[in-house]
Amino acid sequence: HVQLVESGGGSVQAGGSLRLSCVASGYGFSSYCMGWFRQAPGKEREAVAAIDSDGTTRYADSVKGRFTISLDKAKRMLYLQMNSLKTEDTGMYYCAANLGPMYGYSWLATSEYNYWGQGTQVTVS
């Protein structure tokens, strides 16, 4: 039974930083892709960043240069370091996992991920 649990959200002023964490359990870290998504009120859930089991990272254009996704396999932890936060970064942030590799732009699609966390709220004012 795969479980993903996020933490680290909160309220921060524009220009500030937050670090989100996601602990994964219930499956072996062999071939996979893990990602961060966010959803603002009244908007669709959108991909923010993803990382493959081989370390390949991908970012949405809106966060490139500001956010960094990383993975600690030993601890089964996924992180999202968010710097230079903007008001438009406000939303519920979700950790997601696909138990297999991603190709092309498939990482952007919520339908490609098998498992989701419950979310952690980020508010930038």
C-alpha atoms as a PDB file:
ATOM      1  CA  HIS A   1       0.000   0.000   0.000  1.00  0.00           C
ATOM      2  CA  VAL A   2       1.715   3.172  -1.220  1.00  0.00           C
ATOM      3  CA  GLN A   3       1.449   6.238   0.963  1.00  0.00           C
ATOM      4  CA  LEU A   4       2.685   9.759   0.356  1.00  0.00           C
ATOM      5  CA  VAL A   5       2.590  12.346   3.112  1.00  0.00           C
ATOM      6  CA  GLU A   6       3.541  15.971   2.540  1.00  0.00           C
ATOM      7  CA  SER A   7       4.672  18.569   5.041  1.00  0.00           C
ATOM      8  CA  GLY A   8       6.394  21.932   5.173  1.00  0.00           C
ATOM      9  CA  GLY A   9       3.712  24.219   3.858  1.00  0.00           C
ATOM     10  CA  GLY A  10       2.876  27.522   5.482  1.00  0.00           C
ATOM     11  CA  SER A  11       2.489  31.246   5.032  1.00  0.00           C
ATOM     12  CA  VAL A  12       5.351  33.375   3.764  1.00  0.00           C
ATOM     13  CA  GLN A  13       5.877  36.813   2.345  1.00  0.00           C
ATOM     14  CA  ALA A  14       6.685  37.296  -1.302  1.00  0.00           C
ATOM     15  CA  GLY A  15      10.390  36.801  -1.888  1.00  0.00           C
ATOM     16  CA  GLY A  16      10.656  34.280   0.908  1.00  0.00           C
ATOM     17  CA  SER A  17      11.414  30.570   0.861  1.00  0.00           C
ATOM     18  CA  LEU A  18       9.806  27.314   1.912  1.00  0.00           C
ATOM     19  CA  ARG A  19      10.892  23.707   1.731  1.00  0.00           C
ATOM     20  CA  LEU A  20       8.265  21.052   1.175  1.00  0.00           C
ATOM     21  CA  SER A  21       8.843  17.423   2.083  1.00  0.00           C
ATOM     22  CA  CYS A  22       7.094  14.223   1.096  1.00  0.00           C
ATOM     23  CA  VAL A  23       7.751  10.879   2.745  1.00  0.00           C
ATOM     24  CA  ALA A  24       6.972   7.801   0.685  1.00  0.00           C
ATOM     25  CA  SER A  25       6.238   4.326   1.960  1.00  0.00           C
ATOM     26  CA  GLY A  26       4.892   1.057   0.697  1.00  0.00           C
ATOM     27  CA  TYR A  27       6.986   0.496  -2.414  1.00  0.00           C
ATOM     28  CA  GLY A  28      10.562  -0.048  -3.433  1.00  0.00           C
ATOM     29  CA  PHE A  29      12.478   2.772  -5.050  1.00  0.00           C
ATOM     30  CA  SER A  30      13.434   1.077  -8.302  1.00  0.00           C
ATOM     31  CA  SER A  31      12.038   2.697 -11.436  1.00  0.00           C
ATOM     32  CA  TYR A  32       9.700   5.606 -10.828  1.00  0.00           C
ATOM     33  CA  CYS A  33       8.936   9.247 -11.295  1.00  0.00           C
ATOM     34  CA  MET A  34       7.907  11.507  -8.451  1.00  0.00           C
ATOM     35  CA  GLY A  35       6.466  14.944  -8.841  1.00  0.00           C
ATOM     36  CA  TRP A  36       5.060  18.018  -7.184  1.00  0.00           C
ATOM     37  CA  PHE A  37       1.782  19.524  -8.322  1.00  0.00           C
ATOM     38  CA  ARG A  38      -0.151  22.520  -7.076  1.00  0.00           C
ATOM     39  CA  GLN A  39      -3.710  23.703  -7.234  1.00  0.00           C
ATOM     40  CA  ALA A  40      -4.934  27.216  -6.626  1.00  0.00           C
ATOM     41  CA  PRO A  41      -8.580  27.885  -5.750  1.00  0.00           C
ATOM     42  CA  GLY A  42     -10.740  27.682  -8.840  1.00  0.00           C
ATOM     43  CA  LYS A  43      -7.916  26.403 -10.997  1.00  0.00           C
ATOM     44  CA  GLU A  44      -6.835  23.025 -12.298  1.00  0.00           C
ATOM     45  CA  ARG A  45      -4.033  21.092 -10.685  1.00  0.00           C
ATOM     46  CA  GLU A  46      -0.776  21.816 -12.471  1.00  0.00           C
ATOM     47  CA  ALA A  47       2.624  20.200 -12.542  1.00  0.00           C
ATOM     48  CA  VAL A  48       5.428  22.056 -10.825  1.00  0.00           C
ATOM     49  CA  ALA A  49       8.423  19.713 -10.966  1.00  0.00           C
ATOM     50  CA  ALA A  50       9.307  16.046 -11.305  1.00  0.00           C
ATOM     51  CA  ILE A  51      12.278  13.786 -10.771  1.00  0.00           C
ATOM     52  CA  ASP A  52      12.967  10.334 -12.180  1.00  0.00           C
ATOM     53  CA  SER A  53      14.706   7.495 -10.422  1.00  0.00           C
ATOM     54  CA  ASP A  54      17.806   8.224 -12.522  1.00  0.00           C
ATOM     55  CA  GLY A  55      17.897  11.791 -11.218  1.00  0.00           C
ATOM     56  CA  THR A  56      16.480  13.521 -14.269  1.00  0.00           C
ATOM     57  CA  THR A  57      14.587  16.629 -13.210  1.00  0.00           C
ATOM     58  CA  ARG A  58      11.920  18.642 -14.972  1.00  0.00           C
ATOM     59  CA  TYR A  59      10.355  21.993 -14.087  1.00  0.00           C
ATOM     60  CA  ALA A  60       7.412  24.050 -15.168  1.00  0.00           C
ATOM     61  CA  ASP A  61       8.522  27.259 -16.856  1.00  0.00           C
ATOM     62  CA  SER A  62       6.888  29.317 -14.111  1.00  0.00           C
ATOM     63  CA  VAL A  63       9.227  27.938 -11.432  1.00  0.00           C
ATOM     64  CA  LYS A  64      12.491  27.383 -13.299  1.00  0.00           C
ATOM     65  CA  GLY A  65      15.397  29.006 -11.508  1.00  0.00           C
ATOM     66  CA  ARG A  66      13.380  29.401  -8.295  1.00  0.00           C
ATOM     67  CA  PHE A  67      12.363  25.860  -7.281  1.00  0.00           C
ATOM     68  CA  THR A  68      14.530  22.789  -6.871  1.00  0.00           C
ATOM     69  CA  ILE A  69      13.240  19.224  -6.633  1.00  0.00           C
ATOM     70  CA  SER A  70      15.383  16.575  -4.986  1.00  0.00           C
ATOM     71  CA  LEU A  71      15.169  13.042  -3.706  1.00  0.00           C
ATOM     72  CA  ASP A  72      16.797  11.237  -0.804  1.00  0.00           C
ATOM     73  CA  LYS A  73      16.424   7.572  -1.690  1.00  0.00           C
ATOM     74  CA  ALA A  74      17.797   6.319   1.611  1.00  0.00           C
ATOM     75  CA  LYS A  75      15.197   8.283   3.561  1.00  0.00           C
ATOM     76  CA  ARG A  76      12.489   7.862   0.916  1.00  0.00           C
ATOM     77  CA  MET A  77      11.987  11.593   0.989  1.00  0.00           C
ATOM     78  CA  LEU A  78      11.055  13.938  -1.838  1.00  0.00           C
ATOM     79  CA  TYR A  79      11.742  17.648  -1.409  1.00  0.00           C
ATOM     80  CA  LEU A  80      10.799  20.879  -3.107  1.00  0.00           C
ATOM     81  CA  GLN A  81      12.923  23.889  -2.215  1.00  0.00           C
ATOM     82  CA  MET A  82      11.006  27.017  -3.156  1.00  0.00           C
ATOM     83  CA  ASN A  83      12.851  30.324  -3.276  1.00  0.00           C
ATOM     84  CA  SER A  84      11.838  33.812  -4.408  1.00  0.00           C
ATOM     85  CA  LEU A  85       8.214  32.923  -3.830  1.00  0.00           C
ATOM     86  CA  LYS A  86       5.538  34.923  -5.589  1.00  0.00           C
ATOM     87  CA  THR A  87       1.872  35.424  -4.753  1.00  0.00           C
ATOM     88  CA  GLU A  88       0.992  33.302  -7.757  1.00  0.00           C
ATOM     89  CA  ASP A  89       2.753  30.347  -6.130  1.00  0.00           C
ATOM     90  CA  THR A  90      -0.073  30.161  -3.592  1.00  0.00           C
ATOM     91  CA  GLY A  91      -1.962  26.893  -3.585  1.00  0.00           C
ATOM     92  CA  MET A  92      -2.236  23.385  -2.258  1.00  0.00           C
ATOM     93  CA  TYR A  93       0.883  21.424  -3.101  1.00  0.00           C
ATOM     94  CA  TYR A  94       0.673  17.704  -3.736  1.00  0.00           C
ATOM     95  CA  CYS A  95       3.279  14.999  -3.936  1.00  0.00           C
ATOM     96  CA  ALA A  96       2.654  12.326  -6.569  1.00  0.00           C
ATOM     97  CA  ALA A  97       4.299   9.110  -7.687  1.00  0.00           C
ATOM     98  CA  ASN A  98       4.282   7.014 -10.837  1.00  0.00           C
ATOM     99  CA  LEU A  99       5.793   3.560 -10.462  1.00  0.00           C
ATOM    100  CA  GLY A 100       7.582   3.679 -13.767  1.00  0.00           C
ATOM    101  CA  PRO A 101       9.542   6.070 -15.952  1.00  0.00           C
ATOM    102  CA  MET A 102       8.066   9.101 -17.656  1.00  0.00           C
ATOM    103  CA  TYR A 103       8.741  10.091 -21.254  1.00  0.00           C
ATOM    104  CA  GLY A 104       8.421  13.374 -23.037  1.00  0.00           C
ATOM    105  CA  TYR A 105       5.859  15.687 -21.514  1.00  0.00           C
ATOM    106  CA  SER A 106       3.889  12.953 -19.768  1.00  0.00           C
ATOM    107  CA  TRP A 107       5.174  14.174 -16.404  1.00  0.00           C
ATOM    108  CA  LEU A 108       2.874  17.166 -16.724  1.00  0.00           C
ATOM    109  CA  ALA A 109      -0.309  15.107 -16.671  1.00  0.00           C
ATOM    110  CA  THR A 110      -2.056  14.251 -13.403  1.00  0.00           C
ATOM    111  CA  SER A 111      -3.435  11.102 -15.053  1.00  0.00           C
ATOM    112  CA  GLU A 112       0.099   9.685 -15.349  1.00  0.00           C
ATOM    113  CA  TYR A 113       0.561   9.416 -11.585  1.00  0.00           C
ATOM    114  CA  ASN A 114      -0.687   6.439  -9.632  1.00  0.00           C
ATOM    115  CA  TYR A 115      -0.463   7.794  -6.100  1.00  0.00           C
ATOM    116  CA  TRP A 116      -1.073  11.127  -4.410  1.00  0.00           C
ATOM    117  CA  GLY A 117      -0.541  12.703  -1.037  1.00  0.00           C
ATOM    118  CA  GLN A 118      -3.159  14.720   0.807  1.00  0.00           C
ATOM    119  CA  GLY A 119      -1.505  18.067   0.103  1.00  0.00           C
ATOM    120  CA  THR A 120       0.097  20.877   2.058  1.00  0.00           C
ATOM    121  CA  GLN A 121      -0.999  24.508   1.791  1.00  0.00           C
ATOM    122  CA  VAL A 122       1.377  27.237   0.668  1.00  0.00           C
ATOM    123  CA  THR A 123       0.256  30.843   0.981  1.00  0.00           C
ATOM    124  CA  VAL A 124       2.386  33.696  -0.323  1.00  0.00           C
ATOM    125  CA  SER A 125       1.305  37.247   0.458  1.00  0.00           C
END
